[in-house]
């Protein structure tokens, strides 16, 4: 049981050393992730449409 308590004490000490990002940093990172997700989704959707059209043309 003492090892468990020691683990939590050490974890708490390590968390005090962490430099947490500011709110502005988090918001800007979230915006980058959302925009890049939409861009990749659009690219994959266009590729899917292209491959579907090509496959249908080949099957005719």
C-alpha atoms as a PDB file:
ATOM      1  CA  UNK A   1       0.000   0.000   0.000  1.00  0.00           C
ATOM      2  CA  UNK A   2       2.926   2.343   0.635  1.00  0.00           C
ATOM      3  CA  UNK A   3       4.011   2.020  -3.006  1.00  0.00           C
ATOM      4  CA  UNK A   4       0.582   3.153  -4.157  1.00  0.00           C
ATOM      5  CA  UNK A   5       0.716   6.198  -1.892  1.00  0.00           C
ATOM      6  CA  UNK A   6       4.258   6.944  -3.085  1.00  0.00           C
ATOM      7  CA  UNK A   7       3.091   6.688  -6.694  1.00  0.00           C
ATOM      8  CA  UNK A   8       0.340   9.264  -6.147  1.00  0.00           C
ATOM      9  CA  UNK A   9       2.710  11.618  -4.305  1.00  0.00           C
ATOM     10  CA  UNK A  10       5.240  11.426  -7.129  1.00  0.00           C
ATOM     11  CA  UNK A  11       2.495  11.902  -9.720  1.00  0.00           C
ATOM     12  CA  UNK A  12       1.277  15.010  -7.923  1.00  0.00           C
ATOM     13  CA  UNK A  13       4.837  16.377  -7.783  1.00  0.00           C
ATOM     14  CA  UNK A  14       5.303  15.769 -11.522  1.00  0.00           C
ATOM     15  CA  UNK A  15       2.018  17.472 -12.370  1.00  0.00           C
ATOM     16  CA  UNK A  16       3.213  20.596 -10.558  1.00  0.00           C
ATOM     17  CA  UNK A  17       6.164  20.742 -12.992  1.00  0.00           C
ATOM     18  CA  UNK A  18       3.936  20.726 -16.075  1.00  0.00           C
ATOM     19  CA  UNK A  19       3.702  23.957 -18.050  1.00  0.00           C
ATOM     20  CA  UNK A  20       0.060  24.061 -19.095  1.00  0.00           C
ATOM     21  CA  UNK A  21      -0.848  25.867 -22.352  1.00  0.00           C
ATOM     22  CA  UNK A  22      -2.751  29.109 -22.198  1.00  0.00           C
ATOM     23  CA  UNK A  23      -6.379  29.314 -23.247  1.00  0.00           C
ATOM     24  CA  UNK A  24      -5.393  31.153 -26.446  1.00  0.00           C
ATOM     25  CA  UNK A  25      -2.938  28.385 -27.359  1.00  0.00           C
ATOM     26  CA  UNK A  26      -5.597  25.725 -26.844  1.00  0.00           C
ATOM     27  CA  UNK A  27      -8.212  27.632 -28.856  1.00  0.00           C
ATOM     28  CA  UNK A  28      -5.827  28.212 -31.761  1.00  0.00           C
ATOM     29  CA  UNK A  29      -4.806  24.542 -31.762  1.00  0.00           C
ATOM     30  CA  UNK A  30      -8.446  23.438 -31.772  1.00  0.00           C
ATOM     31  CA  UNK A  31      -9.181  25.746 -34.714  1.00  0.00           C
ATOM     32  CA  UNK A  32      -6.241  24.292 -36.658  1.00  0.00           C
ATOM     33  CA  UNK A  33      -7.463  20.746 -35.989  1.00  0.00           C
ATOM     34  CA  UNK A  34     -11.047  21.538 -37.040  1.00  0.00           C
ATOM     35  CA  UNK A  35     -10.003  23.341 -40.237  1.00  0.00           C
ATOM     36  CA  UNK A  36      -7.544  20.616 -41.225  1.00  0.00           C
ATOM     37  CA  UNK A  37     -10.195  17.964 -40.560  1.00  0.00           C
ATOM     38  CA  UNK A  38     -12.639  19.710 -42.890  1.00  0.00           C
ATOM     39  CA  UNK A  39      -9.969  20.125 -45.583  1.00  0.00           C
ATOM     40  CA  UNK A  40      -9.036  16.432 -45.447  1.00  0.00           C
ATOM     41  CA  UNK A  41     -12.729  15.446 -45.471  1.00  0.00           C
ATOM     42  CA  UNK A  42     -13.352  17.555 -48.577  1.00  0.00           C
ATOM     43  CA  UNK A  43     -10.303  16.102 -50.352  1.00  0.00           C
ATOM     44  CA  UNK A  44     -11.338  12.535 -49.501  1.00  0.00           C
ATOM     45  CA  UNK A  45     -14.916  13.228 -50.582  1.00  0.00           C
ATOM     46  CA  UNK A  46     -13.752  14.558 -53.945  1.00  0.00           C
ATOM     47  CA  UNK A  47     -11.460  11.569 -54.417  1.00  0.00           C
ATOM     48  CA  UNK A  48     -14.348   9.255 -53.584  1.00  0.00           C
ATOM     49  CA  UNK A  49     -16.581  10.959 -56.137  1.00  0.00           C
ATOM     50  CA  UNK A  50     -13.842  10.712 -58.761  1.00  0.00           C
ATOM     51  CA  UNK A  51     -13.126   7.056 -58.129  1.00  0.00           C
ATOM     52  CA  UNK A  52     -16.842   6.238 -58.079  1.00  0.00           C
ATOM     53  CA  UNK A  53     -17.360   7.976 -61.425  1.00  0.00           C
ATOM     54  CA  UNK A  54     -14.306   6.225 -62.910  1.00  0.00           C
ATOM     55  CA  UNK A  55     -15.460   2.836 -61.633  1.00  0.00           C
ATOM     56  CA  UNK A  56     -18.957   3.357 -63.053  1.00  0.00           C
ATOM     57  CA  UNK A  57     -17.463   4.385 -66.421  1.00  0.00           C
ATOM     58  CA  UNK A  58     -15.317   1.260 -66.486  1.00  0.00           C
ATOM     59  CA  UNK A  59     -18.264  -1.007 -65.579  1.00  0.00           C
ATOM     60  CA  UNK A  60     -20.423   0.274 -68.478  1.00  0.00           C
END
